[in-house]
Amino acid sequence: MADITRRLGWRHLRGAPTAHVRHHRGTRLLHDGPGLSFWFRALTAAISEVPVDDRELAMTFHARTSDFQDVAVQATVTYRISDPAVAAARLDFSIDPDSGAWRAAPLEQLGTLLTETAQQHALDVLSRTPLSAALVDGVTAVRERIAQGLAGEPRLPATGIEVVAVRVVALRPEPEVERALRTPAREQIQQEADRATYERRAVAVERERAIAENELASQIELARREEQLVDQRGTNARREAEEHAAADAVRAEAEAARTVRLADAEATRSVRLAKAEAEGAREVGEARAQAQEAWLRVHGDVDVATLNALTGTRLAENLPRIDSVTISPDVLTGLLTRLGTRE
């Protein structure tokens, strides 16, 4: 919408770069072009503003396929006004000189023209296509047919309109039909999911079985090695016992030999000692015999009194030592009585 300001009975218009403005005064064209800015008098001016930018027109309509199934088509047509003079001559793009707003609704008329034209070509192609084919390839077919139909429509160039692009967003059947069509696919997907689940479980079971077999094989191998270890330990124990027994036997033989040698040495020493003692005893006996013989020979020439004296002396030498003598009154009385009797 153009920007219009008032100044003392005059109006000033400032257009946008995407709006083509045509200013007429009577039959004369005073201003013609996009993005203009000028002064004008409201009573004598006739101004049209034609947008020249690309515009999007969204449309939704229903169609019926060859098997009598209703489908909803959602499409978008991009267009622009390539010839503003022709469009301003065919449609009412005049604006209010005070507010700058369109007096009519030209864009709605363009939208209706494009929508009806696109719908006519879409219905034409869908009416000869079954629902299954329309759902598979209908989007491409409808888009191409609409684009061709709009390109070949003579009313559009005559109105100054150029179609830039056509897009078909969706092609959907009725909700009940869509649910019915989704059911086999969902079931197939579910079957695939179930089969994948079963296969995954089977793989898991197989892996668990392989793991269990590996664990069992490991246990068997461990038991076999433990058995070998026990046998080796028994062999080592027997070998150690045999070595200990052999060592004990050698030690016992050595001890017996040493004992025999000690016994032989002790016996030899005892024999020698006995011989020495016997020899000593014989020599002592001979010496005593000789001493006795000499003693007897000496005493044979001594008188009896001397022998008695010697006998008393020997007797006194052999008597035990008397440190003290205790005389009781009874003994003393008896001695005194005997002494008195002798007197």
C-alpha atoms as a PDB file:
ATOM      1  CA  MET A   1       0.000   0.000   0.000  1.00  0.00           C
ATOM      2  CA  ALA A   2       1.339   3.432  -1.004  1.00  0.00           C
ATOM      3  CA  ASP A   3       2.245   5.983   1.641  1.00  0.00           C
ATOM      4  CA  ILE A   4       0.180   9.186   1.061  1.00  0.00           C
ATOM      5  CA  THR A   5       0.493  12.438   3.030  1.00  0.00           C
ATOM      6  CA  ARG A   6      -1.609  15.626   2.807  1.00  0.00           C
ATOM      7  CA  ARG A   7      -0.300  19.185   2.353  1.00  0.00           C
ATOM      8  CA  LEU A   8      -2.721  22.125   1.699  1.00  0.00           C
ATOM      9  CA  GLY A   9      -4.954  20.359  -0.779  1.00  0.00           C
ATOM     10  CA  TRP A  10      -2.090  18.447  -2.345  1.00  0.00           C
ATOM     11  CA  ARG A  11      -1.140  14.825  -1.796  1.00  0.00           C
ATOM     12  CA  HIS A  12       2.281  13.270  -1.790  1.00  0.00           C
ATOM     13  CA  LEU A  13       2.653   9.605  -2.751  1.00  0.00           C
ATOM     14  CA  ARG A  14       5.705   7.518  -1.893  1.00  0.00           C
ATOM     15  CA  GLY A  15       5.639   4.079  -3.446  1.00  0.00           C
ATOM     16  CA  ALA A  16       7.548   0.886  -2.604  1.00  0.00           C
ATOM     17  CA  PRO A  17      10.196  -0.602  -4.901  1.00  0.00           C
ATOM     18  CA  THR A  18       7.980  -3.665  -5.423  1.00  0.00           C
ATOM     19  CA  ALA A  19       4.909  -1.648  -6.432  1.00  0.00           C
ATOM     20  CA  HIS A  20       4.354  -0.278  -9.933  1.00  0.00           C
ATOM     21  CA  VAL A  21       2.451   3.039  -9.818  1.00  0.00           C
ATOM     22  CA  ARG A  22       0.512   4.517 -12.765  1.00  0.00           C
ATOM     23  CA  HIS A  23      -0.650   8.138 -12.387  1.00  0.00           C
ATOM     24  CA  HIS A  24      -3.236   9.474 -14.863  1.00  0.00           C
ATOM     25  CA  ARG A  25      -4.698  12.942 -15.143  1.00  0.00           C
ATOM     26  CA  GLY A  26      -7.548  12.661 -17.538  1.00  0.00           C
ATOM     27  CA  THR A  27      -6.209  10.722 -20.478  1.00  0.00           C
ATOM     28  CA  ARG A  28      -2.584  11.648 -19.844  1.00  0.00           C
ATOM     29  CA  LEU A  29      -0.164   9.221 -18.127  1.00  0.00           C
ATOM     30  CA  LEU A  30       1.987  11.412 -15.884  1.00  0.00           C
ATOM     31  CA  HIS A  31       3.898   8.847 -13.826  1.00  0.00           C
ATOM     32  CA  ASP A  32       4.550   5.174 -14.607  1.00  0.00           C
ATOM     33  CA  GLY A  33       7.056   2.970 -12.789  1.00  0.00           C
ATOM     34  CA  PRO A  34       7.992   1.202  -9.549  1.00  0.00           C
ATOM     35  CA  GLY A  35       9.078   3.038  -6.398  1.00  0.00           C
ATOM     36  CA  LEU A  36       7.866   6.516  -7.539  1.00  0.00           C
ATOM     37  CA  SER A  37       7.437   9.540  -5.326  1.00  0.00           C
ATOM     38  CA  PHE A  38       5.446  12.607  -6.491  1.00  0.00           C
ATOM     39  CA  TRP A  39       2.859  15.239  -5.645  1.00  0.00           C
ATOM     40  CA  PHE A  40      -0.661  15.156  -7.086  1.00  0.00           C
ATOM     41  CA  ARG A  41      -4.088  16.676  -6.664  1.00  0.00           C
ATOM     42  CA  ALA A  42      -6.725  14.236  -5.422  1.00  0.00           C
ATOM     43  CA  LEU A  43      -9.551  15.665  -7.514  1.00  0.00           C
ATOM     44  CA  THR A  44      -7.836  15.215 -10.865  1.00  0.00           C
ATOM     45  CA  ALA A  45      -5.608  12.169 -10.267  1.00  0.00           C
ATOM     46  CA  ALA A  46      -6.302   8.515 -11.066  1.00  0.00           C
ATOM     47  CA  ILE A  47      -3.646   6.294  -9.507  1.00  0.00           C
ATOM     48  CA  SER A  48      -3.171   2.527  -9.803  1.00  0.00           C
ATOM     49  CA  GLU A  49      -0.689   0.505  -7.742  1.00  0.00           C
ATOM     50  CA  VAL A  50       0.241  -2.898  -9.151  1.00  0.00           C
ATOM     51  CA  PRO A  51       2.485  -5.185  -7.069  1.00  0.00           C
ATOM     52  CA  VAL A  52       5.328  -6.662  -9.129  1.00  0.00           C
ATOM     53  CA  ASP A  53       6.923  -8.914  -6.475  1.00  0.00           C
ATOM     54  CA  ASP A  54       6.594 -12.735  -6.371  1.00  0.00           C
ATOM     55  CA  ARG A  55       3.522 -13.851  -4.469  1.00  0.00           C
ATOM     56  CA  GLU A  56       2.570 -17.219  -3.004  1.00  0.00           C
ATOM     57  CA  LEU A  57      -0.952 -18.503  -3.498  1.00  0.00           C
ATOM     58  CA  ALA A  58      -1.852 -21.517  -1.321  1.00  0.00           C
ATOM     59  CA  MET A  59      -4.818 -23.541  -2.456  1.00  0.00           C
ATOM     60  CA  THR A  60      -6.651 -26.607  -1.153  1.00  0.00           C
ATOM     61  CA  PHE A  61      -9.353 -28.413  -3.107  1.00  0.00           C
ATOM     62  CA  HIS A  62     -10.957 -31.840  -3.354  1.00  0.00           C
ATOM     63  CA  ALA A  63     -10.917 -34.161  -6.346  1.00  0.00           C
ATOM     64  CA  ARG A  64     -12.184 -37.642  -7.202  1.00  0.00           C
ATOM     65  CA  THR A  65     -10.103 -40.427  -8.653  1.00  0.00           C
ATOM     66  CA  SER A  66     -11.136 -42.891 -11.332  1.00  0.00           C
ATOM     67  CA  ASP A  67     -12.213 -45.409  -8.652  1.00  0.00           C
ATOM     68  CA  PHE A  68     -14.501 -42.784  -7.062  1.00  0.00           C
ATOM     69  CA  GLN A  69     -12.317 -41.993  -4.072  1.00  0.00           C
ATOM     70  CA  ASP A  70     -12.128 -38.448  -2.737  1.00  0.00           C
ATOM     71  CA  VAL A  71      -8.674 -36.934  -2.277  1.00  0.00           C
ATOM     72  CA  ALA A  72      -7.558 -33.562  -0.915  1.00  0.00           C
ATOM     73  CA  VAL A  73      -4.937 -31.664  -2.895  1.00  0.00           C
ATOM     74  CA  GLN A  74      -2.730 -29.044  -1.253  1.00  0.00           C
ATOM     75  CA  ALA A  75      -0.737 -26.923  -3.696  1.00  0.00           C
ATOM     76  CA  THR A  76       1.095 -23.619  -3.841  1.00  0.00           C
ATOM     77  CA  VAL A  77       1.431 -21.436  -6.966  1.00  0.00           C
ATOM     78  CA  THR A  78       4.095 -18.742  -7.125  1.00  0.00           C
ATOM     79  CA  TYR A  79       3.257 -15.927  -9.588  1.00  0.00           C
ATOM     80  CA  ARG A  80       4.031 -12.310 -10.368  1.00  0.00           C
ATOM     81  CA  ILE A  81       2.530  -9.552 -12.499  1.00  0.00           C
ATOM     82  CA  SER A  82       4.940  -9.228 -15.380  1.00  0.00           C
ATOM     83  CA  ASP A  83       2.995  -6.524 -17.272  1.00  0.00           C
ATOM     84  CA  PRO A  84       1.593  -3.938 -14.809  1.00  0.00           C
ATOM     85  CA  ALA A  85      -0.027  -1.867 -17.574  1.00  0.00           C
ATOM     86  CA  VAL A  86      -2.041  -4.852 -18.866  1.00  0.00           C
ATOM     87  CA  ALA A  87      -2.945  -5.947 -15.314  1.00  0.00           C
ATOM     88  CA  ALA A  88      -4.049  -2.400 -14.410  1.00  0.00           C
ATOM     89  CA  ALA A  89      -6.157  -2.311 -17.584  1.00  0.00           C
ATOM     90  CA  ARG A  90      -7.802  -5.718 -16.939  1.00  0.00           C
ATOM     91  CA  LEU A  91      -8.216  -5.503 -13.167  1.00  0.00           C
ATOM     92  CA  ASP A  92      -9.032  -2.663 -10.810  1.00  0.00           C
ATOM     93  CA  PHE A  93      -5.752  -1.758  -9.033  1.00  0.00           C
ATOM     94  CA  SER A  94      -6.835   1.857  -8.339  1.00  0.00           C
ATOM     95  CA  ILE A  95      -6.117   3.241  -4.883  1.00  0.00           C
ATOM     96  CA  ASP A  96      -7.840   5.805  -2.683  1.00  0.00           C
ATOM     97  CA  PRO A  97      -5.953   9.153  -3.011  1.00  0.00           C
ATOM     98  CA  ASP A  98      -6.409   9.830   0.688  1.00  0.00           C
ATOM     99  CA  SER A  99      -5.570   6.444   2.303  1.00  0.00           C
ATOM    100  CA  GLY A 100      -3.587   4.663  -0.433  1.00  0.00           C
ATOM    101  CA  ALA A 101      -5.725   1.474  -0.091  1.00  0.00           C
ATOM    102  CA  TRP A 102      -7.131  -0.422  -3.066  1.00  0.00           C
ATOM    103  CA  ARG A 103     -10.688   0.430  -3.913  1.00  0.00           C
ATOM    104  CA  ALA A 104     -11.379  -3.177  -5.032  1.00  0.00           C
ATOM    105  CA  ALA A 105      -9.803  -6.593  -4.336  1.00  0.00           C
ATOM    106  CA  PRO A 106      -7.657  -7.333  -7.425  1.00  0.00           C
ATOM    107  CA  LEU A 107      -5.408  -9.910  -5.741  1.00  0.00           C
ATOM    108  CA  GLU A 108      -8.454 -11.948  -4.716  1.00  0.00           C
ATOM    109  CA  GLN A 109      -9.592 -11.960  -8.337  1.00  0.00           C
ATOM    110  CA  LEU A 110      -6.130 -13.168  -9.400  1.00  0.00           C
ATOM    111  CA  GLY A 111      -6.219 -15.848  -6.722  1.00  0.00           C
ATOM    112  CA  THR A 112      -9.601 -17.073  -7.828  1.00  0.00           C
ATOM    113  CA  LEU A 113      -8.436 -17.208 -11.450  1.00  0.00           C
ATOM    114  CA  LEU A 114      -5.294 -19.165 -10.611  1.00  0.00           C
ATOM    115  CA  THR A 115      -7.072 -21.500  -8.181  1.00  0.00           C
ATOM    116  CA  GLU A 116      -9.867 -22.394 -10.589  1.00  0.00           C
ATOM    117  CA  THR A 117      -7.447 -22.920 -13.443  1.00  0.00           C
ATOM    118  CA  ALA A 118      -5.129 -25.140 -11.369  1.00  0.00           C
ATOM    119  CA  GLN A 119      -8.080 -27.055  -9.910  1.00  0.00           C
ATOM    120  CA  GLN A 120      -9.485 -27.725 -13.383  1.00  0.00           C
ATOM    121  CA  HIS A 121      -6.239 -29.288 -14.584  1.00  0.00           C
ATOM    122  CA  ALA A 122      -5.758 -31.287 -11.336  1.00  0.00           C
ATOM    123  CA  LEU A 123      -9.287 -32.686 -11.550  1.00  0.00           C
ATOM    124  CA  ASP A 124      -8.679 -33.606 -15.141  1.00  0.00           C
ATOM    125  CA  VAL A 125      -5.595 -35.722 -14.355  1.00  0.00           C
ATOM    126  CA  LEU A 126      -6.959 -37.250 -11.132  1.00  0.00           C
ATOM    127  CA  SER A 127     -10.257 -38.281 -12.729  1.00  0.00           C
ATOM    128  CA  ARG A 128      -8.331 -40.701 -14.960  1.00  0.00           C
ATOM    129  CA  THR A 129      -6.017 -42.035 -12.199  1.00  0.00           C
ATOM    130  CA  PRO A 130      -6.918 -44.705  -9.590  1.00  0.00           C
ATOM    131  CA  LEU A 131      -6.332 -43.962  -5.945  1.00  0.00           C
ATOM    132  CA  SER A 132      -3.362 -46.281  -5.536  1.00  0.00           C
ATOM    133  CA  ALA A 133      -1.539 -44.730  -8.495  1.00  0.00           C
ATOM    134  CA  ALA A 134      -2.486 -41.221  -7.380  1.00  0.00           C
ATOM    135  CA  LEU A 135      -1.011 -41.814  -3.941  1.00  0.00           C
ATOM    136  CA  VAL A 136       2.192 -43.201  -5.448  1.00  0.00           C
ATOM    137  CA  ASP A 137       2.847 -40.863  -8.381  1.00  0.00           C
ATOM    138  CA  GLY A 138      -0.044 -38.405  -8.136  1.00  0.00           C
ATOM    139  CA  VAL A 139       1.952 -35.550  -6.622  1.00  0.00           C
ATOM    140  CA  THR A 140       4.366 -35.410  -9.548  1.00  0.00           C
ATOM    141  CA  ALA A 141       1.647 -35.918 -12.135  1.00  0.00           C
ATOM    142  CA  VAL A 142      -0.613 -33.256 -10.650  1.00  0.00           C
ATOM    143  CA  ARG A 143       2.245 -30.752 -10.340  1.00  0.00           C
ATOM    144  CA  GLU A 144       3.337 -31.242 -13.941  1.00  0.00           C
ATOM    145  CA  ARG A 145      -0.234 -31.048 -15.219  1.00  0.00           C
ATOM    146  CA  ILE A 146      -0.980 -27.854 -13.274  1.00  0.00           C
ATOM    147  CA  ALA A 147       2.276 -26.256 -14.419  1.00  0.00           C
ATOM    148  CA  GLN A 148       1.547 -27.153 -18.046  1.00  0.00           C
ATOM    149  CA  GLY A 149      -2.062 -26.030 -17.767  1.00  0.00           C
ATOM    150  CA  LEU A 150      -1.162 -22.655 -16.244  1.00  0.00           C
ATOM    151  CA  ALA A 151       1.594 -22.128 -18.804  1.00  0.00           C
ATOM    152  CA  GLY A 152      -0.849 -22.811 -21.630  1.00  0.00           C
ATOM    153  CA  GLU A 153      -3.748 -20.816 -20.185  1.00  0.00           C
ATOM    154  CA  PRO A 154      -4.309 -17.768 -22.459  1.00  0.00           C
ATOM    155  CA  ARG A 155      -6.119 -15.729 -19.805  1.00  0.00           C
ATOM    156  CA  LEU A 156      -3.036 -15.386 -17.665  1.00  0.00           C
ATOM    157  CA  PRO A 157      -0.769 -13.602 -20.199  1.00  0.00           C
ATOM    158  CA  ALA A 158      -3.772 -11.550 -21.222  1.00  0.00           C
ATOM    159  CA  THR A 159      -4.053 -10.387 -17.627  1.00  0.00           C
ATOM    160  CA  GLY A 160      -0.306  -9.742 -17.352  1.00  0.00           C
ATOM    161  CA  ILE A 161       0.359 -12.684 -15.001  1.00  0.00           C
ATOM    162  CA  GLU A 162       3.396 -14.967 -15.152  1.00  0.00           C
ATOM    163  CA  VAL A 163       3.508 -18.253 -13.232  1.00  0.00           C
ATOM    164  CA  VAL A 164       6.907 -18.761 -11.594  1.00  0.00           C
ATOM    165  CA  ALA A 165       6.549 -22.168  -9.918  1.00  0.00           C
ATOM    166  CA  VAL A 166       4.007 -24.797  -8.935  1.00  0.00           C
ATOM    167  CA  ARG A 167       4.344 -27.032  -5.904  1.00  0.00           C
ATOM    168  CA  VAL A 168       2.014 -29.803  -4.777  1.00  0.00           C
ATOM    169  CA  VAL A 169       2.439 -30.168  -1.032  1.00  0.00           C
ATOM    170  CA  ALA A 170       0.214 -33.178  -0.345  1.00  0.00           C
ATOM    171  CA  LEU A 171      -2.285 -35.528  -1.914  1.00  0.00           C
ATOM    172  CA  ARG A 172      -4.336 -37.255   0.783  1.00  0.00           C
ATOM    173  CA  PRO A 173      -7.385 -39.515   0.709  1.00  0.00           C
ATOM    174  CA  GLU A 174     -10.198 -39.398   3.225  1.00  0.00           C
ATOM    175  CA  PRO A 175      -9.243 -40.297   6.836  1.00  0.00           C
ATOM    176  CA  GLU A 176     -11.091 -43.639   6.760  1.00  0.00           C
ATOM    177  CA  VAL A 177      -9.477 -44.633   3.469  1.00  0.00           C
ATOM    178  CA  GLU A 178      -6.076 -43.450   4.662  1.00  0.00           C
ATOM    179  CA  ARG A 179      -6.390 -45.555   7.822  1.00  0.00           C
ATOM    180  CA  ALA A 180      -7.471 -48.548   5.734  1.00  0.00           C
ATOM    181  CA  LEU A 181      -4.487 -48.061   3.427  1.00  0.00           C
ATOM    182  CA  ARG A 182      -2.124 -47.665   6.342  1.00  0.00           C
ATOM    183  CA  THR A 183      -3.240 -50.898   7.981  1.00  0.00           C
ATOM    184  CA  PRO A 184      -1.432 -53.364   5.621  1.00  0.00           C
ATOM    185  CA  ALA A 185       1.691 -51.255   5.680  1.00  0.00           C
ATOM    186  CA  ARG A 186       1.554 -51.042   9.467  1.00  0.00           C
ATOM    187  CA  GLU A 187       0.998 -54.772   9.703  1.00  0.00           C
ATOM    188  CA  GLN A 188       3.904 -55.407   7.353  1.00  0.00           C
ATOM    189  CA  ILE A 189       6.077 -53.028   9.339  1.00  0.00           C
ATOM    190  CA  GLN A 190       4.963 -54.732  12.540  1.00  0.00           C
ATOM    191  CA  GLN A 191       5.735 -58.117  11.025  1.00  0.00           C
ATOM    192  CA  GLU A 192       9.161 -56.871   9.994  1.00  0.00           C
ATOM    193  CA  ALA A 193       9.672 -55.491  13.479  1.00  0.00           C
ATOM    194  CA  ASP A 194       8.532 -58.781  15.044  1.00  0.00           C
ATOM    195  CA  ARG A 195      10.773 -60.744  12.690  1.00  0.00           C
ATOM    196  CA  ALA A 196      13.669 -58.453  13.542  1.00  0.00           C
ATOM    197  CA  THR A 197      12.872 -58.919  17.234  1.00  0.00           C
ATOM    198  CA  TYR A 198      12.755 -62.697  16.862  1.00  0.00           C
ATOM    199  CA  GLU A 199      15.979 -62.687  14.869  1.00  0.00           C
ATOM    200  CA  ARG A 200      17.593 -60.477  17.484  1.00  0.00           C
ATOM    201  CA  ARG A 201      16.375 -62.816  20.227  1.00  0.00           C
ATOM    202  CA  ALA A 202      17.606 -65.811  18.241  1.00  0.00           C
ATOM    203  CA  VAL A 203      20.974 -64.165  17.811  1.00  0.00           C
ATOM    204  CA  ALA A 204      21.015 -63.351  21.514  1.00  0.00           C
ATOM    205  CA  VAL A 205      20.112 -66.951  22.410  1.00  0.00           C
ATOM    206  CA  GLU A 206      22.768 -68.245  20.022  1.00  0.00           C
ATOM    207  CA  ARG A 207      25.323 -65.922  21.552  1.00  0.00           C
ATOM    208  CA  GLU A 208      24.283 -66.970  25.047  1.00  0.00           C
ATOM    209  CA  ARG A 209      24.605 -70.617  23.988  1.00  0.00           C
ATOM    210  CA  ALA A 210      28.053 -69.931  22.521  1.00  0.00           C
ATOM    211  CA  ILE A 211      29.031 -68.116  25.710  1.00  0.00           C
ATOM    212  CA  ALA A 212      27.727 -71.018  27.828  1.00  0.00           C
ATOM    213  CA  GLU A 213      29.620 -73.512  25.666  1.00  0.00           C
ATOM    214  CA  ASN A 214      32.766 -71.434  25.967  1.00  0.00           C
ATOM    215  CA  GLU A 215      32.323 -71.254  29.728  1.00  0.00           C
ATOM    216  CA  LEU A 216      31.738 -75.037  29.883  1.00  0.00           C
ATOM    217  CA  ALA A 217      34.798 -75.658  27.723  1.00  0.00           C
ATOM    218  CA  SER A 218      36.772 -73.315  29.947  1.00  0.00           C
ATOM    219  CA  GLN A 219      35.575 -75.168  33.050  1.00  0.00           C
ATOM    220  CA  ILE A 220      36.460 -78.527  31.467  1.00  0.00           C
ATOM    221  CA  GLU A 221      39.884 -77.246  30.489  1.00  0.00           C
ATOM    222  CA  LEU A 222      40.342 -75.811  33.973  1.00  0.00           C
ATOM    223  CA  ALA A 223      39.326 -79.125  35.569  1.00  0.00           C
ATOM    224  CA  ARG A 224      41.731 -80.997  33.274  1.00  0.00           C
ATOM    225  CA  ARG A 225      44.535 -78.654  34.177  1.00  0.00           C
ATOM    226  CA  GLU A 226      43.661 -78.964  37.861  1.00  0.00           C
ATOM    227  CA  GLU A 227      43.808 -82.763  37.442  1.00  0.00           C
ATOM    228  CA  GLN A 228      47.199 -82.435  35.780  1.00  0.00           C
ATOM    229  CA  LEU A 229      48.256 -80.112  38.561  1.00  0.00           C
ATOM    230  CA  VAL A 230      47.130 -82.636  41.204  1.00  0.00           C
ATOM    231  CA  ASP A 231      48.966 -85.440  39.392  1.00  0.00           C
ATOM    232  CA  GLN A 232      52.068 -83.309  39.096  1.00  0.00           C
ATOM    233  CA  ARG A 233      51.840 -82.386  42.757  1.00  0.00           C
ATOM    234  CA  GLY A 234      51.482 -86.085  43.684  1.00  0.00           C
ATOM    235  CA  THR A 235      54.447 -86.953  41.488  1.00  0.00           C
ATOM    236  CA  ASN A 236      56.448 -84.156  43.049  1.00  0.00           C
ATOM    237  CA  ALA A 237      55.398 -85.305  46.538  1.00  0.00           C
ATOM    238  CA  ARG A 238      56.386 -88.905  45.779  1.00  0.00           C
ATOM    239  CA  ARG A 239      59.664 -87.790  44.300  1.00  0.00           C
ATOM    240  CA  GLU A 240      60.297 -85.581  47.293  1.00  0.00           C
ATOM    241  CA  ALA A 241      59.411 -88.451  49.674  1.00  0.00           C
ATOM    242  CA  GLU A 242      61.716 -90.798  47.763  1.00  0.00           C
ATOM    243  CA  GLU A 243      64.493 -88.252  47.882  1.00  0.00           C
ATOM    244  CA  HIS A 244      63.896 -87.728  51.608  1.00  0.00           C
ATOM    245  CA  ALA A 245      63.846 -91.497  52.145  1.00  0.00           C
ATOM    246  CA  ALA A 246      67.061 -91.894  50.163  1.00  0.00           C
ATOM    247  CA  ALA A 247      68.626 -89.056  52.111  1.00  0.00           C
ATOM    248  CA  ASP A 248      67.449 -90.615  55.398  1.00  0.00           C
ATOM    249  CA  ALA A 249      68.849 -93.974  54.294  1.00  0.00           C
ATOM    250  CA  VAL A 250      72.176 -92.410  53.448  1.00  0.00           C
ATOM    251  CA  ARG A 251      72.091 -90.512  56.709  1.00  0.00           C
ATOM    252  CA  ALA A 252      71.203 -93.709  58.634  1.00  0.00           C
ATOM    253  CA  GLU A 253      73.979 -95.643  56.906  1.00  0.00           C
ATOM    254  CA  ALA A 254      76.426 -92.894  57.710  1.00  0.00           C
ATOM    255  CA  GLU A 255      75.203 -92.763  61.298  1.00  0.00           C
ATOM    256  CA  ALA A 256      75.436 -96.566  61.597  1.00  0.00           C
ATOM    257  CA  ALA A 257      78.923 -96.540  60.135  1.00  0.00           C
ATOM    258  CA  ARG A 258      79.929 -93.758  62.504  1.00  0.00           C
ATOM    259  CA  THR A 259      78.355 -95.640  65.413  1.00  0.00           C
ATOM    260  CA  VAL A 260      80.212 -98.795  64.397  1.00  0.00           C
ATOM    261  CA  ARG A 261      83.443 -96.878  64.145  1.00  0.00           C
ATOM    262  CA  LEU A 262      82.805 -95.238  67.521  1.00  0.00           C
ATOM    263  CA  ALA A 263      81.928 -98.610  69.004  1.00  0.00           C
ATOM    264  CA  ASP A 264      85.070-100.161  67.563  1.00  0.00           C
ATOM    265  CA  ALA A 265      87.133 -97.268  68.834  1.00  0.00           C
ATOM    266  CA  GLU A 266      85.458 -97.471  72.250  1.00  0.00           C
ATOM    267  CA  ALA A 267      85.975-101.194  72.410  1.00  0.00           C
ATOM    268  CA  THR A 268      89.595-100.804  71.408  1.00  0.00           C
ATOM    269  CA  ARG A 269      90.031 -98.060  73.975  1.00  0.00           C
ATOM    270  CA  SER A 270      88.253-100.188  76.638  1.00  0.00           C
ATOM    271  CA  VAL A 271      90.459-103.176  75.837  1.00  0.00           C
ATOM    272  CA  ARG A 272      93.529-101.053  76.033  1.00  0.00           C
ATOM    273  CA  LEU A 273      92.294 -99.450  79.255  1.00  0.00           C
ATOM    274  CA  ALA A 274      91.463-102.852  80.714  1.00  0.00           C
ATOM    275  CA  LYS A 275      94.895-104.127  79.708  1.00  0.00           C
ATOM    276  CA  ALA A 276      96.478-101.058  81.230  1.00  0.00           C
ATOM    277  CA  GLU A 277      94.418-101.381  84.408  1.00  0.00           C
ATOM    278  CA  ALA A 278      95.232-105.067  84.626  1.00  0.00           C
ATOM    279  CA  GLU A 279      98.880-104.342  84.067  1.00  0.00           C
ATOM    280  CA  GLY A 280      98.711-101.573  86.674  1.00  0.00           C
ATOM    281  CA  ALA A 281      96.858-103.775  89.138  1.00  0.00           C
ATOM    282  CA  ARG A 282      99.392-106.539  88.578  1.00  0.00           C
ATOM    283  CA  GLU A 283     102.244-104.141  89.138  1.00  0.00           C
ATOM    284  CA  VAL A 284     100.511-102.648  92.204  1.00  0.00           C
ATOM    285  CA  GLY A 285      99.865-106.145  93.562  1.00  0.00           C
ATOM    286  CA  GLU A 286     103.476-107.118  93.000  1.00  0.00           C
ATOM    287  CA  ALA A 287     104.596-103.864  94.675  1.00  0.00           C
ATOM    288  CA  ARG A 288     102.276-104.481  97.592  1.00  0.00           C
ATOM    289  CA  ALA A 289     103.408-108.040  97.847  1.00  0.00           C
ATOM    290  CA  GLN A 290     106.997-106.932  97.839  1.00  0.00           C
ATOM    291  CA  ALA A 291     106.195-104.197 100.391  1.00  0.00           C
ATOM    292  CA  GLN A 292     104.340-106.718 102.565  1.00  0.00           C
ATOM    293  CA  GLU A 293     107.138-109.141 102.300  1.00  0.00           C
ATOM    294  CA  ALA A 294     109.585-106.435 103.257  1.00  0.00           C
ATOM    295  CA  TRP A 295     107.323-105.342 106.105  1.00  0.00           C
ATOM    296  CA  LEU A 296     107.024-108.851 107.382  1.00  0.00           C
ATOM    297  CA  ARG A 297     110.731-109.323 107.024  1.00  0.00           C
ATOM    298  CA  VAL A 298     111.331-106.156 109.023  1.00  0.00           C
ATOM    299  CA  HIS A 299     108.774-106.982 111.727  1.00  0.00           C
ATOM    300  CA  GLY A 300     109.990-110.543 111.989  1.00  0.00           C
ATOM    301  CA  ASP A 301     113.111-109.284 113.775  1.00  0.00           C
ATOM    302  CA  VAL A 302     111.256-106.922 116.234  1.00  0.00           C
ATOM    303  CA  ASP A 303     110.177-107.959 119.739  1.00  0.00           C
ATOM    304  CA  VAL A 304     106.574-108.319 120.903  1.00  0.00           C
ATOM    305  CA  ALA A 305     106.418-105.076 122.821  1.00  0.00           C
ATOM    306  CA  THR A 306     107.482-103.075 119.815  1.00  0.00           C
ATOM    307  CA  LEU A 307     104.897-104.848 117.705  1.00  0.00           C
ATOM    308  CA  ASN A 308     102.190-104.007 120.226  1.00  0.00           C
ATOM    309  CA  ALA A 309     103.245-100.394 120.207  1.00  0.00           C
ATOM    310  CA  LEU A 310     103.204-100.282 116.441  1.00  0.00           C
ATOM    311  CA  THR A 311      99.813-101.984 116.496  1.00  0.00           C
ATOM    312  CA  GLY A 312      98.432 -99.386 118.862  1.00  0.00           C
ATOM    313  CA  THR A 313      99.887 -96.633 116.773  1.00  0.00           C
ATOM    314  CA  ARG A 314      98.292 -98.057 113.625  1.00  0.00           C
ATOM    315  CA  LEU A 315      95.043 -98.468 115.484  1.00  0.00           C
ATOM    316  CA  ALA A 316      95.180 -94.924 116.695  1.00  0.00           C
ATOM    317  CA  GLU A 317      95.856 -93.704 113.186  1.00  0.00           C
ATOM    318  CA  ASN A 318      92.804 -95.496 111.884  1.00  0.00           C
ATOM    319  CA  LEU A 319      90.456 -94.320 114.654  1.00  0.00           C
ATOM    320  CA  PRO A 320      88.057 -91.519 113.749  1.00  0.00           C
ATOM    321  CA  ARG A 321      88.818 -88.016 114.954  1.00  0.00           C
ATOM    322  CA  ILE A 322      87.111 -86.996 118.236  1.00  0.00           C
ATOM    323  CA  ASP A 323      86.603 -83.267 118.536  1.00  0.00           C
ATOM    324  CA  SER A 324      84.803 -83.248 121.898  1.00  0.00           C
ATOM    325  CA  VAL A 325      83.787 -85.757 124.590  1.00  0.00           C
ATOM    326  CA  THR A 326      80.662 -85.330 126.643  1.00  0.00           C
ATOM    327  CA  ILE A 327      80.650 -87.115 130.014  1.00  0.00           C
ATOM    328  CA  SER A 328      77.270 -87.420 131.645  1.00  0.00           C
ATOM    329  CA  PRO A 329      76.864 -87.516 135.425  1.00  0.00           C
ATOM    330  CA  ASP A 330      75.939 -91.189 135.279  1.00  0.00           C
ATOM    331  CA  VAL A 331      79.119 -92.114 133.401  1.00  0.00           C
ATOM    332  CA  LEU A 332      81.253 -89.980 135.705  1.00  0.00           C
ATOM    333  CA  THR A 333      79.681 -91.553 138.765  1.00  0.00           C
ATOM    334  CA  GLY A 334      80.296 -95.007 137.412  1.00  0.00           C
ATOM    335  CA  LEU A 335      83.961 -94.212 136.647  1.00  0.00           C
ATOM    336  CA  LEU A 336      84.515 -92.747 140.055  1.00  0.00           C
ATOM    337  CA  THR A 337      82.909 -95.825 141.593  1.00  0.00           C
ATOM    338  CA  ARG A 338      85.254 -98.112 139.672  1.00  0.00           C
ATOM    339  CA  LEU A 339      88.267 -96.055 140.585  1.00  0.00           C
ATOM    340  CA  GLY A 340      87.253 -96.225 144.250  1.00  0.00           C
ATOM    341  CA  THR A 341      86.839 -99.932 144.041  1.00  0.00           C
ATOM    342  CA  ARG A 342      90.322-100.467 142.576  1.00  0.00           C
ATOM    343  CA  GLU A 343      91.920 -98.473 145.384  1.00  0.00           C
END
